[in-house]
N, C-alpha and C. Protein backbone atom coordinates (compact mmCIF):
# COMPACT_ATOMS: atom_id res chain seq x y z
N MET A 1 10.03 1.95 31.44
CA MET A 1 9.42 2.68 32.55
C MET A 1 9.68 4.17 32.38
N ASN A 2 8.66 4.95 32.53
CA ASN A 2 8.84 6.39 32.40
C ASN A 2 9.12 7.00 33.78
N ASN A 3 9.44 8.28 33.78
CA ASN A 3 9.72 8.96 35.04
C ASN A 3 8.61 9.94 35.40
N LEU A 4 7.42 9.68 34.95
CA LEU A 4 6.29 10.54 35.24
C LEU A 4 5.73 10.21 36.62
N LEU A 5 5.30 11.27 37.31
CA LEU A 5 4.77 11.13 38.66
C LEU A 5 3.52 10.25 38.69
N PHE A 6 3.49 9.35 39.66
CA PHE A 6 2.26 8.62 39.96
C PHE A 6 2.23 8.39 41.46
N ASP A 7 1.19 8.89 42.10
CA ASP A 7 1.04 8.70 43.53
C ASP A 7 -0.41 8.34 43.83
N PHE A 8 -0.61 7.33 44.65
CA PHE A 8 -1.95 6.85 45.01
C PHE A 8 -1.96 6.71 46.53
N THR A 9 -2.77 7.54 47.19
CA THR A 9 -2.80 7.56 48.65
C THR A 9 -4.22 7.36 49.15
N VAL A 10 -4.37 6.46 50.09
CA VAL A 10 -5.67 6.23 50.73
C VAL A 10 -5.62 6.86 52.11
N ASP A 11 -6.54 7.79 52.37
CA ASP A 11 -6.61 8.46 53.67
C ASP A 11 -7.92 8.05 54.34
N LYS A 12 -7.83 7.07 55.22
CA LYS A 12 -9.04 6.57 55.87
C LYS A 12 -9.70 7.62 56.76
N ALA A 13 -8.89 8.51 57.37
CA ALA A 13 -9.45 9.52 58.27
C ALA A 13 -10.40 10.46 57.54
N THR A 14 -10.09 10.80 56.29
CA THR A 14 -10.96 11.70 55.53
C THR A 14 -11.84 10.94 54.52
N LYS A 15 -11.72 9.62 54.49
CA LYS A 15 -12.49 8.76 53.57
C LYS A 15 -12.26 9.18 52.11
N THR A 16 -11.00 9.52 51.84
CA THR A 16 -10.66 10.06 50.52
C THR A 16 -9.45 9.33 49.93
N VAL A 17 -9.52 9.10 48.63
CA VAL A 17 -8.38 8.57 47.88
C VAL A 17 -7.80 9.74 47.08
N PHE A 18 -6.48 9.90 47.15
CA PHE A 18 -5.79 10.97 46.42
C PHE A 18 -4.90 10.33 45.36
N ILE A 19 -5.03 10.82 44.13
CA ILE A 19 -4.23 10.30 43.03
C ILE A 19 -3.59 11.48 42.30
N ASP A 20 -2.28 11.44 42.14
CA ASP A 20 -1.57 12.42 41.33
C ASP A 20 -0.91 11.65 40.20
N ARG A 21 -1.11 12.15 38.97
CA ARG A 21 -0.55 11.45 37.81
C ARG A 21 -0.12 12.47 36.79
N GLU A 22 1.12 12.33 36.31
CA GLU A 22 1.61 13.19 35.23
C GLU A 22 1.50 12.45 33.90
N PHE A 23 1.30 13.25 32.85
CA PHE A 23 1.25 12.72 31.49
C PHE A 23 2.18 13.56 30.61
N ALA A 24 2.86 12.89 29.68
CA ALA A 24 3.72 13.60 28.74
C ALA A 24 2.88 14.09 27.57
N ALA A 25 1.99 15.02 27.87
CA ALA A 25 1.09 15.58 26.86
C ALA A 25 0.69 16.97 27.33
N ASP A 26 0.26 17.81 26.38
CA ASP A 26 -0.09 19.16 26.80
C ASP A 26 -1.48 19.19 27.45
N LEU A 27 -1.70 20.26 28.17
CA LEU A 27 -2.91 20.40 28.98
C LEU A 27 -4.19 20.24 28.15
N SER A 28 -4.23 20.83 26.97
CA SER A 28 -5.45 20.75 26.15
C SER A 28 -5.80 19.31 25.80
N LEU A 29 -4.79 18.54 25.44
CA LEU A 29 -5.03 17.15 25.07
C LEU A 29 -5.47 16.33 26.28
N VAL A 30 -4.84 16.55 27.43
CA VAL A 30 -5.22 15.80 28.64
C VAL A 30 -6.64 16.18 29.06
N TRP A 31 -6.96 17.47 29.02
CA TRP A 31 -8.31 17.92 29.35
C TRP A 31 -9.33 17.24 28.42
N ASP A 32 -9.04 17.25 27.13
CA ASP A 32 -9.95 16.62 26.17
C ASP A 32 -10.11 15.12 26.45
N ALA A 33 -9.02 14.48 26.87
CA ALA A 33 -9.08 13.04 27.14
C ALA A 33 -10.03 12.71 28.29
N PHE A 34 -10.15 13.64 29.24
CA PHE A 34 -11.03 13.41 30.39
C PHE A 34 -12.45 13.94 30.18
N THR A 35 -12.67 14.72 29.11
CA THR A 35 -13.96 15.41 28.99
C THR A 35 -14.69 15.19 27.67
N THR A 36 -14.14 14.41 26.76
CA THR A 36 -14.85 14.15 25.51
C THR A 36 -15.08 12.65 25.34
N GLN A 37 -16.29 12.34 24.96
CA GLN A 37 -16.73 10.95 24.85
C GLN A 37 -15.84 10.13 23.93
N GLU A 38 -15.51 10.67 22.77
CA GLU A 38 -14.76 9.90 21.78
C GLU A 38 -13.40 9.46 22.31
N ILE A 39 -12.77 10.31 23.11
CA ILE A 39 -11.46 9.93 23.67
C ILE A 39 -11.64 9.06 24.92
N LEU A 40 -12.60 9.41 25.77
CA LEU A 40 -12.85 8.61 26.98
C LEU A 40 -13.08 7.14 26.64
N ASP A 41 -13.85 6.90 25.59
CA ASP A 41 -14.16 5.52 25.23
C ASP A 41 -12.95 4.74 24.75
N GLN A 42 -11.85 5.43 24.49
CA GLN A 42 -10.63 4.74 24.06
C GLN A 42 -9.75 4.30 25.23
N TRP A 43 -10.05 4.83 26.47
CA TRP A 43 -9.13 4.47 27.56
C TRP A 43 -9.79 4.28 28.92
N TRP A 44 -11.03 4.69 29.17
CA TRP A 44 -11.59 4.70 30.52
C TRP A 44 -12.10 3.32 30.93
N ALA A 45 -11.24 2.35 30.94
CA ALA A 45 -11.54 1.01 31.45
C ALA A 45 -10.23 0.24 31.54
N PRO A 46 -10.07 -0.58 32.59
CA PRO A 46 -8.85 -1.38 32.67
C PRO A 46 -8.89 -2.49 31.61
N LYS A 47 -7.79 -2.63 30.87
CA LYS A 47 -7.74 -3.67 29.84
C LYS A 47 -7.88 -5.05 30.46
N PRO A 48 -8.54 -5.97 29.86
CA PRO A 48 -9.05 -5.95 28.48
C PRO A 48 -10.47 -5.39 28.35
N TRP A 49 -10.97 -4.78 29.41
CA TRP A 49 -12.30 -4.18 29.34
C TRP A 49 -12.27 -2.97 28.41
N ALA A 50 -13.46 -2.59 27.91
CA ALA A 50 -13.59 -1.42 27.06
C ALA A 50 -14.65 -0.50 27.64
N SER A 51 -14.58 0.75 27.30
CA SER A 51 -15.55 1.74 27.76
C SER A 51 -16.54 2.04 26.64
N LYS A 52 -17.82 2.09 27.00
CA LYS A 52 -18.88 2.36 26.01
C LYS A 52 -19.83 3.40 26.60
N THR A 53 -19.80 4.60 26.07
CA THR A 53 -20.65 5.68 26.58
C THR A 53 -21.99 5.67 25.85
N LYS A 54 -23.05 5.68 26.64
CA LYS A 54 -24.40 5.73 26.06
C LYS A 54 -24.86 7.18 25.92
N ILE A 55 -24.59 7.98 26.96
CA ILE A 55 -25.01 9.39 26.97
C ILE A 55 -23.88 10.19 27.60
N MET A 56 -23.57 11.34 27.01
CA MET A 56 -22.63 12.25 27.66
C MET A 56 -22.92 13.67 27.24
N ASN A 57 -23.12 14.53 28.22
CA ASN A 57 -23.16 15.97 27.98
C ASN A 57 -22.32 16.62 29.07
N PHE A 58 -21.12 17.04 28.66
CA PHE A 58 -20.17 17.61 29.62
C PHE A 58 -20.52 19.07 29.85
N GLU A 59 -21.35 19.30 30.84
CA GLU A 59 -21.74 20.63 31.28
C GLU A 59 -22.21 20.50 32.73
N VAL A 60 -22.21 21.60 33.47
CA VAL A 60 -22.69 21.55 34.85
C VAL A 60 -24.15 21.09 34.83
N GLY A 61 -24.44 20.05 35.58
CA GLY A 61 -25.77 19.45 35.58
C GLY A 61 -25.91 18.33 34.56
N GLY A 62 -24.91 18.18 33.69
CA GLY A 62 -24.93 17.12 32.69
C GLY A 62 -24.38 15.82 33.27
N ARG A 63 -24.34 14.80 32.42
CA ARG A 63 -23.90 13.51 32.92
C ARG A 63 -23.26 12.67 31.82
N ARG A 64 -22.52 11.66 32.28
CA ARG A 64 -22.03 10.60 31.40
C ARG A 64 -22.58 9.30 31.96
N PHE A 65 -23.28 8.56 31.13
CA PHE A 65 -23.79 7.24 31.49
C PHE A 65 -23.07 6.26 30.58
N TYR A 66 -22.27 5.39 31.20
CA TYR A 66 -21.39 4.54 30.40
C TYR A 66 -21.26 3.17 31.04
N ALA A 67 -20.74 2.24 30.27
CA ALA A 67 -20.46 0.90 30.78
C ALA A 67 -19.01 0.54 30.50
N MET A 68 -18.44 -0.20 31.43
CA MET A 68 -17.19 -0.88 31.17
C MET A 68 -17.61 -2.29 30.75
N VAL A 69 -17.11 -2.72 29.59
CA VAL A 69 -17.57 -3.96 28.98
C VAL A 69 -16.42 -4.96 28.94
N SER A 70 -16.67 -6.16 29.50
CA SER A 70 -15.63 -7.20 29.50
C SER A 70 -15.55 -7.84 28.12
N PRO A 71 -14.47 -8.57 27.84
CA PRO A 71 -14.34 -9.23 26.54
C PRO A 71 -15.50 -10.20 26.24
N ASP A 72 -16.12 -10.78 27.29
CA ASP A 72 -17.24 -11.69 27.03
C ASP A 72 -18.59 -10.98 27.14
N GLY A 73 -18.59 -9.65 27.16
CA GLY A 73 -19.84 -8.90 27.06
C GLY A 73 -20.49 -8.47 28.36
N LEU A 74 -19.89 -8.78 29.51
CA LEU A 74 -20.43 -8.33 30.79
C LEU A 74 -20.32 -6.81 30.86
N GLU A 75 -21.43 -6.14 31.24
CA GLU A 75 -21.45 -4.68 31.31
C GLU A 75 -21.57 -4.21 32.76
N MET A 76 -20.69 -3.31 33.18
CA MET A 76 -20.73 -2.69 34.50
C MET A 76 -21.01 -1.20 34.28
N TRP A 77 -22.24 -0.79 34.59
CA TRP A 77 -22.68 0.58 34.28
C TRP A 77 -22.34 1.56 35.40
N SER A 78 -22.10 2.81 35.03
CA SER A 78 -21.86 3.89 35.98
C SER A 78 -22.44 5.19 35.45
N ILE A 79 -22.73 6.08 36.40
CA ILE A 79 -23.19 7.43 36.07
C ILE A 79 -22.21 8.43 36.67
N GLN A 80 -21.84 9.41 35.88
CA GLN A 80 -21.02 10.52 36.37
C GLN A 80 -21.83 11.79 36.14
N LYS A 81 -22.18 12.48 37.22
CA LYS A 81 -22.94 13.73 37.11
C LYS A 81 -22.01 14.90 37.40
N TYR A 82 -21.91 15.81 36.42
CA TYR A 82 -20.97 16.93 36.54
C TYR A 82 -21.57 18.03 37.39
N THR A 83 -20.85 18.41 38.45
CA THR A 83 -21.37 19.41 39.40
C THR A 83 -20.66 20.74 39.29
N SER A 84 -19.48 20.78 38.69
CA SER A 84 -18.71 22.02 38.58
C SER A 84 -17.69 21.85 37.46
N ILE A 85 -17.53 22.89 36.64
CA ILE A 85 -16.55 22.83 35.56
C ILE A 85 -15.86 24.19 35.44
N SER A 86 -14.54 24.19 35.53
CA SER A 86 -13.71 25.37 35.23
C SER A 86 -12.80 24.92 34.10
N PRO A 87 -13.11 25.33 32.85
CA PRO A 87 -12.39 24.79 31.70
C PRO A 87 -10.88 24.76 31.85
N LYS A 88 -10.33 23.61 31.52
CA LYS A 88 -8.89 23.33 31.48
C LYS A 88 -8.19 23.36 32.84
N THR A 89 -8.95 23.55 33.93
CA THR A 89 -8.31 23.54 35.24
C THR A 89 -8.95 22.56 36.23
N ASN A 90 -10.28 22.43 36.20
CA ASN A 90 -10.93 21.60 37.22
C ASN A 90 -12.33 21.20 36.77
N PHE A 91 -12.72 20.00 37.16
CA PHE A 91 -14.15 19.66 37.15
C PHE A 91 -14.42 18.69 38.28
N LYS A 92 -15.67 18.70 38.72
CA LYS A 92 -16.11 17.83 39.80
C LYS A 92 -17.30 17.03 39.33
N MET A 93 -17.41 15.83 39.88
CA MET A 93 -18.54 14.99 39.50
C MET A 93 -18.89 14.02 40.63
N LEU A 94 -20.15 13.63 40.62
CA LEU A 94 -20.59 12.53 41.49
C LEU A 94 -20.54 11.29 40.63
N ASN A 95 -19.97 10.22 41.17
CA ASN A 95 -19.79 8.98 40.42
C ASN A 95 -20.47 7.85 41.19
N ALA A 96 -21.30 7.09 40.50
CA ALA A 96 -21.97 5.96 41.16
C ALA A 96 -22.15 4.82 40.17
N PHE A 97 -22.03 3.61 40.68
CA PHE A 97 -22.39 2.46 39.86
C PHE A 97 -23.90 2.52 39.62
N ALA A 98 -24.35 1.87 38.55
CA ALA A 98 -25.77 1.92 38.20
C ALA A 98 -26.15 0.61 37.52
N ASP A 99 -27.47 0.45 37.32
CA ASP A 99 -27.90 -0.68 36.50
C ASP A 99 -28.04 -0.20 35.04
N ALA A 100 -28.38 -1.07 34.16
CA ALA A 100 -28.46 -0.73 32.73
C ALA A 100 -29.58 0.24 32.41
N GLU A 101 -30.48 0.46 33.39
CA GLU A 101 -31.58 1.41 33.21
C GLU A 101 -31.24 2.78 33.80
N GLU A 102 -30.01 2.97 34.19
CA GLU A 102 -29.50 4.23 34.73
C GLU A 102 -29.98 4.52 36.15
N ASN A 103 -30.35 3.49 36.89
CA ASN A 103 -30.69 3.66 38.30
C ASN A 103 -29.42 3.53 39.13
N PRO A 104 -29.02 4.61 39.81
CA PRO A 104 -27.75 4.57 40.56
C PRO A 104 -27.81 3.66 41.77
N GLN A 105 -26.67 3.08 42.08
CA GLN A 105 -26.51 2.30 43.30
C GLN A 105 -25.80 3.21 44.29
N LEU A 106 -26.57 3.86 45.13
CA LEU A 106 -26.00 4.84 46.05
C LEU A 106 -25.50 4.17 47.31
N PRO A 107 -24.56 4.75 48.04
CA PRO A 107 -23.96 6.05 47.74
C PRO A 107 -22.87 5.93 46.68
N GLY A 108 -22.58 7.02 46.08
CA GLY A 108 -21.48 7.09 45.13
C GLY A 108 -20.29 7.76 45.78
N SER A 109 -19.46 8.38 44.96
CA SER A 109 -18.30 9.10 45.48
C SER A 109 -18.21 10.45 44.76
N GLU A 110 -17.54 11.40 45.41
CA GLU A 110 -17.37 12.74 44.86
C GLU A 110 -15.95 12.87 44.33
N TRP A 111 -15.84 13.10 43.03
CA TRP A 111 -14.54 13.23 42.38
C TRP A 111 -14.23 14.70 42.13
N ASP A 112 -13.00 15.10 42.43
CA ASP A 112 -12.52 16.46 42.19
C ASP A 112 -11.22 16.32 41.39
N LEU A 113 -11.24 16.77 40.12
CA LEU A 113 -10.10 16.60 39.23
C LEU A 113 -9.49 17.95 38.89
N ASN A 114 -8.19 18.10 39.17
CA ASN A 114 -7.47 19.34 38.89
C ASN A 114 -6.37 19.09 37.88
N PHE A 115 -6.24 20.02 36.92
CA PHE A 115 -5.30 19.89 35.81
C PHE A 115 -4.33 21.06 35.83
N SER A 116 -3.02 20.76 35.67
CA SER A 116 -2.03 21.83 35.57
C SER A 116 -0.89 21.35 34.67
N GLU A 117 -0.26 22.29 33.98
CA GLU A 117 0.82 21.95 33.05
C GLU A 117 2.10 22.67 33.45
N GLN A 118 3.20 21.94 33.38
CA GLN A 118 4.50 22.54 33.66
C GLN A 118 5.57 21.77 32.89
N ASN A 119 6.40 22.49 32.17
CA ASN A 119 7.52 21.91 31.42
C ASN A 119 7.07 20.80 30.47
N GLY A 120 5.96 21.01 29.80
CA GLY A 120 5.50 20.05 28.81
C GLY A 120 4.81 18.82 29.38
N LYS A 121 4.64 18.78 30.68
CA LYS A 121 3.93 17.66 31.31
C LYS A 121 2.66 18.20 31.96
N THR A 122 1.63 17.40 31.90
CA THR A 122 0.37 17.79 32.54
C THR A 122 0.12 16.88 33.73
N LYS A 123 -0.16 17.53 34.87
CA LYS A 123 -0.45 16.79 36.10
C LYS A 123 -1.96 16.82 36.34
N VAL A 124 -2.49 15.65 36.64
CA VAL A 124 -3.89 15.54 37.02
C VAL A 124 -3.91 15.07 38.47
N SER A 125 -4.54 15.88 39.32
CA SER A 125 -4.69 15.54 40.74
C SER A 125 -6.15 15.24 40.99
N ILE A 126 -6.40 14.04 41.47
CA ILE A 126 -7.77 13.58 41.66
C ILE A 126 -7.98 13.26 43.13
N SER A 127 -9.05 13.77 43.71
CA SER A 127 -9.43 13.32 45.04
C SER A 127 -10.82 12.70 44.92
N ILE A 128 -10.99 11.58 45.58
CA ILE A 128 -12.25 10.83 45.52
C ILE A 128 -12.75 10.66 46.94
N TYR A 129 -13.77 11.45 47.28
CA TYR A 129 -14.33 11.42 48.63
C TYR A 129 -15.51 10.44 48.68
N ASN A 130 -15.52 9.64 49.72
CA ASN A 130 -16.61 8.68 49.94
C ASN A 130 -17.35 9.04 51.23
N GLU A 131 -18.67 8.93 51.19
CA GLU A 131 -19.45 9.26 52.38
C GLU A 131 -19.20 8.29 53.52
N SER A 132 -18.83 7.07 53.17
CA SER A 132 -18.59 6.10 54.23
C SER A 132 -17.24 5.42 54.04
N LEU A 133 -16.61 5.12 55.16
CA LEU A 133 -15.34 4.41 55.13
C LEU A 133 -15.54 3.02 54.54
N GLU A 134 -16.69 2.41 54.85
CA GLU A 134 -16.97 1.07 54.34
C GLU A 134 -17.00 1.06 52.81
N ARG A 135 -17.63 2.09 52.21
CA ARG A 135 -17.68 2.13 50.75
C ARG A 135 -16.27 2.26 50.17
N MET A 136 -15.46 3.15 50.77
CA MET A 136 -14.10 3.34 50.26
C MET A 136 -13.29 2.05 50.39
N GLU A 137 -13.41 1.39 51.53
CA GLU A 137 -12.66 0.16 51.73
C GLU A 137 -13.11 -0.93 50.75
N LYS A 138 -14.41 -0.96 50.45
CA LYS A 138 -14.92 -1.94 49.48
C LYS A 138 -14.37 -1.64 48.09
N MET A 139 -14.34 -0.34 47.74
CA MET A 139 -13.81 0.08 46.44
C MET A 139 -12.35 -0.37 46.30
N ILE A 140 -11.56 -0.18 47.35
CA ILE A 140 -10.15 -0.59 47.33
C ILE A 140 -10.05 -2.11 47.25
N GLU A 141 -10.88 -2.78 48.04
CA GLU A 141 -10.88 -4.25 48.08
C GLU A 141 -11.23 -4.85 46.72
N MET A 142 -12.10 -4.16 45.97
CA MET A 142 -12.52 -4.66 44.65
C MET A 142 -11.46 -4.42 43.58
N GLY A 143 -10.32 -3.81 43.97
CA GLY A 143 -9.22 -3.64 43.02
C GLY A 143 -9.19 -2.29 42.34
N PHE A 144 -9.76 -1.27 42.98
CA PHE A 144 -9.79 0.04 42.35
C PHE A 144 -8.39 0.55 42.01
N LYS A 145 -7.45 0.42 42.94
CA LYS A 145 -6.10 0.93 42.67
C LYS A 145 -5.49 0.27 41.43
N GLU A 146 -5.56 -1.04 41.38
CA GLU A 146 -4.97 -1.76 40.26
C GLU A 146 -5.69 -1.42 38.95
N GLY A 147 -7.02 -1.40 39.01
CA GLY A 147 -7.81 -1.12 37.81
C GLY A 147 -7.61 0.29 37.30
N PHE A 148 -7.61 1.27 38.21
CA PHE A 148 -7.46 2.65 37.77
C PHE A 148 -6.03 2.92 37.30
N THR A 149 -5.05 2.25 37.91
CA THR A 149 -3.67 2.37 37.45
C THR A 149 -3.56 1.86 36.01
N MET A 150 -4.17 0.70 35.72
CA MET A 150 -4.17 0.17 34.35
C MET A 150 -4.85 1.14 33.40
N THR A 151 -5.96 1.73 33.87
CA THR A 151 -6.71 2.65 33.03
C THR A 151 -5.86 3.88 32.69
N LEU A 152 -5.17 4.43 33.69
CA LEU A 152 -4.32 5.60 33.44
C LEU A 152 -3.14 5.23 32.54
N ASN A 153 -2.63 4.01 32.67
CA ASN A 153 -1.56 3.57 31.77
C ASN A 153 -2.07 3.47 30.33
N SER A 154 -3.33 3.08 30.17
CA SER A 154 -3.92 3.04 28.82
C SER A 154 -3.97 4.44 28.22
N LEU A 155 -4.26 5.43 29.07
CA LEU A 155 -4.27 6.81 28.58
C LEU A 155 -2.87 7.22 28.14
N ASP A 156 -1.86 6.83 28.91
CA ASP A 156 -0.46 7.10 28.52
C ASP A 156 -0.17 6.52 27.14
N GLU A 157 -0.59 5.28 26.93
CA GLU A 157 -0.37 4.64 25.63
C GLU A 157 -1.12 5.37 24.52
N LEU A 158 -2.32 5.83 24.83
CA LEU A 158 -3.09 6.56 23.84
C LEU A 158 -2.38 7.86 23.47
N PHE A 159 -1.84 8.57 24.46
CA PHE A 159 -1.10 9.81 24.17
C PHE A 159 0.10 9.51 23.27
N ALA A 160 0.78 8.41 23.53
CA ALA A 160 1.93 8.05 22.70
C ALA A 160 1.49 7.81 21.26
N THR A 161 0.35 7.15 21.09
CA THR A 161 -0.18 6.89 19.75
C THR A 161 -0.59 8.20 19.08
N LEU A 162 -1.26 9.06 19.82
CA LEU A 162 -1.73 10.32 19.24
C LEU A 162 -0.57 11.22 18.84
N SER A 163 0.52 11.18 19.62
CA SER A 163 1.65 12.07 19.31
C SER A 163 2.43 11.60 18.08
N GLN A 164 2.24 10.33 17.66
CA GLN A 164 2.92 9.80 16.47
C GLN A 164 2.19 10.16 15.19
N ARG A 165 0.96 10.69 15.31
CA ARG A 165 0.18 11.04 14.12
C ARG A 165 0.66 12.33 13.49
């Protein structure tokens, strides 16, 4: 067990989920892990699922269209549309489930990701705003906390592998 910060808070009053997570990696590497397709596809899915990006252009107005793929081939598609980018410090995106033809299942959620480094650790603070309380509660009910925790742990493992190279 590591001693890195992990906090997951559900605020029903603001319809927002707040996640703070530290990584034992420098800011550039953590930023790249969240913003480049080749690295995202190595960790952005709870195991044993895998991430498969079909399209990604990380720029304001750009998008990532990807699937989380189960071991037996079931695909769960999502679209992330980038609305704001401040290199190495913050980006925002709209996130929605979609079908395989890239038709979003609205409403989605608004993600705000902030990155900061201190003493060799990088903290990522994520807020996920939902337009409706019902959508947020459904997301939690479907296992979002457990799945995203596994996903972030996969990123930790990836950083450990990358640092051994």
